[in-house]
N, C-alpha and C. Protein backbone atom coordinates (compact mmCIF):
# COMPACT_ATOMS: atom_id res chain seq x y z
N UNK A 1 48.78 8.23 -9.28
CA UNK A 1 49.47 9.38 -8.74
C UNK A 1 50.76 9.59 -9.53
N UNK A 2 51.01 10.81 -9.90
CA UNK A 2 52.24 11.15 -10.60
C UNK A 2 53.37 11.29 -9.60
N UNK A 3 54.55 10.83 -10.00
CA UNK A 3 55.73 10.99 -9.16
C UNK A 3 56.23 12.41 -9.31
N UNK A 4 56.49 13.06 -8.19
CA UNK A 4 57.02 14.42 -8.19
C UNK A 4 58.36 14.37 -7.46
N UNK A 5 59.45 14.74 -8.12
CA UNK A 5 60.74 14.72 -7.42
C UNK A 5 60.81 15.87 -6.41
N UNK A 6 61.36 15.58 -5.28
CA UNK A 6 61.57 16.58 -4.24
C UNK A 6 63.06 16.67 -3.95
N UNK A 7 63.56 17.86 -3.76
CA UNK A 7 64.94 18.05 -3.33
C UNK A 7 64.89 18.33 -1.85
N UNK A 8 65.56 17.48 -1.09
CA UNK A 8 65.56 17.64 0.36
C UNK A 8 67.00 17.72 0.84
N UNK A 9 67.17 18.16 2.07
CA UNK A 9 68.51 18.29 2.64
C UNK A 9 68.66 17.35 3.82
N UNK A 10 69.89 16.97 4.06
CA UNK A 10 70.26 16.15 5.19
C UNK A 10 70.99 17.05 6.18
N UNK A 11 70.55 17.07 7.45
CA UNK A 11 71.21 17.96 8.41
C UNK A 11 72.48 17.31 8.96
N UNK A 12 73.18 18.02 9.81
CA UNK A 12 74.47 17.53 10.31
C UNK A 12 74.31 16.29 11.18
N UNK A 13 73.11 16.02 11.67
CA UNK A 13 72.86 14.80 12.44
C UNK A 13 72.44 13.63 11.55
N UNK A 14 72.37 13.86 10.24
CA UNK A 14 72.01 12.80 9.30
C UNK A 14 70.52 12.62 9.11
N UNK A 15 69.72 13.57 9.58
CA UNK A 15 68.27 13.46 9.47
C UNK A 15 67.79 14.13 8.19
N UNK A 16 66.77 13.52 7.59
CA UNK A 16 66.12 14.11 6.43
C UNK A 16 64.64 14.31 6.76
N UNK A 17 64.02 15.27 6.11
CA UNK A 17 62.59 15.52 6.31
C UNK A 17 61.88 15.30 4.99
N UNK A 18 60.84 14.47 5.02
CA UNK A 18 60.01 14.27 3.84
C UNK A 18 59.01 15.43 3.82
N UNK A 19 58.97 16.19 2.73
CA UNK A 19 58.08 17.36 2.68
C UNK A 19 56.62 17.00 2.98
N UNK A 20 55.92 17.93 3.63
CA UNK A 20 54.53 17.72 4.03
C UNK A 20 53.66 17.31 2.85
N UNK A 21 53.81 17.97 1.72
CA UNK A 21 53.00 17.64 0.54
C UNK A 21 53.21 16.18 0.14
N UNK A 22 54.46 15.72 0.15
CA UNK A 22 54.75 14.32 -0.20
C UNK A 22 54.17 13.37 0.83
N UNK A 23 54.29 13.69 2.13
CA UNK A 23 53.71 12.84 3.18
C UNK A 23 52.21 12.72 3.02
N UNK A 24 51.55 13.85 2.71
CA UNK A 24 50.10 13.82 2.54
C UNK A 24 49.70 13.02 1.31
N UNK A 25 50.38 13.22 0.20
CA UNK A 25 50.04 12.49 -1.04
C UNK A 25 50.25 11.00 -0.89
N UNK A 26 51.30 10.61 -0.13
CA UNK A 26 51.62 9.20 0.05
C UNK A 26 50.98 8.60 1.30
N UNK A 27 50.22 9.43 2.02
CA UNK A 27 49.56 9.02 3.26
C UNK A 27 50.55 8.42 4.25
N UNK A 28 51.65 9.12 4.46
CA UNK A 28 52.68 8.67 5.39
C UNK A 28 52.46 9.31 6.75
N UNK A 29 52.77 8.56 7.77
CA UNK A 29 52.76 9.08 9.13
C UNK A 29 54.02 8.57 9.81
N UNK A 30 54.16 8.92 11.07
CA UNK A 30 55.34 8.48 11.81
C UNK A 30 55.40 6.96 11.79
N UNK A 31 56.57 6.42 11.58
CA UNK A 31 56.73 4.97 11.54
C UNK A 31 58.12 4.60 11.09
N UNK A 32 58.30 3.33 10.81
CA UNK A 32 59.59 2.82 10.40
C UNK A 32 59.65 2.61 8.90
N UNK A 33 60.85 2.81 8.36
CA UNK A 33 61.10 2.63 6.94
C UNK A 33 62.34 1.77 6.76
N UNK A 34 62.39 1.03 5.66
CA UNK A 34 63.60 0.32 5.28
C UNK A 34 64.35 1.21 4.30
N UNK A 35 65.65 1.22 4.39
CA UNK A 35 66.49 2.02 3.51
C UNK A 35 67.24 1.09 2.57
N UNK A 36 67.12 1.34 1.28
CA UNK A 36 67.80 0.55 0.25
C UNK A 36 68.71 1.48 -0.53
N UNK A 37 69.79 0.93 -1.06
CA UNK A 37 70.66 1.73 -1.92
C UNK A 37 70.95 0.95 -3.20
N UNK A 38 71.13 1.70 -4.26
CA UNK A 38 71.51 1.15 -5.56
C UNK A 38 72.51 2.13 -6.15
N UNK A 39 73.78 1.80 -6.08
CA UNK A 39 74.80 2.75 -6.48
C UNK A 39 74.78 3.92 -5.52
N UNK A 40 74.63 5.12 -6.03
CA UNK A 40 74.58 6.31 -5.18
C UNK A 40 73.15 6.78 -4.92
N UNK A 41 72.16 5.99 -5.34
CA UNK A 41 70.75 6.33 -5.11
C UNK A 41 70.25 5.62 -3.86
N UNK A 42 69.34 6.26 -3.14
CA UNK A 42 68.73 5.63 -1.98
C UNK A 42 67.21 5.62 -2.15
N UNK A 43 66.59 4.64 -1.52
CA UNK A 43 65.14 4.46 -1.60
C UNK A 43 64.63 4.13 -0.21
N UNK A 44 63.46 4.65 0.13
CA UNK A 44 62.80 4.34 1.39
C UNK A 44 61.57 3.51 1.09
N UNK A 45 61.32 2.53 1.96
CA UNK A 45 60.11 1.72 1.83
C UNK A 45 59.44 1.66 3.20
N UNK A 46 58.16 1.98 3.25
CA UNK A 46 57.41 1.96 4.50
C UNK A 46 57.29 0.52 4.99
N UNK A 47 57.59 0.29 6.26
CA UNK A 47 57.45 -1.02 6.87
C UNK A 47 56.04 -1.13 7.42
N UNK A 48 55.31 -2.15 6.98
CA UNK A 48 53.95 -2.35 7.45
C UNK A 48 53.98 -2.91 8.86
N UNK A 49 52.97 -2.56 9.65
CA UNK A 49 52.85 -3.08 11.01
C UNK A 49 52.87 -4.60 10.96
N UNK A 50 53.66 -5.23 11.83
CA UNK A 50 53.71 -6.67 11.90
C UNK A 50 54.67 -7.34 10.93
N UNK A 51 55.36 -6.57 10.07
CA UNK A 51 56.28 -7.16 9.09
C UNK A 51 57.72 -7.15 9.57
N UNK A 52 57.95 -6.88 10.81
CA UNK A 52 59.31 -6.79 11.31
C UNK A 52 59.83 -8.07 11.83
């Protein structure tokens, strides 16, 4: 799968929305994610069931 950059916005409550196309391509559904940062960049990683 090719990586496609998406520009998303953060609302005043601090919420972000992952675009539908990206969710479908990555087979994402509602769940928990880990948030990582490196400098001013952020990364999300899906938490697998039972890994908490």
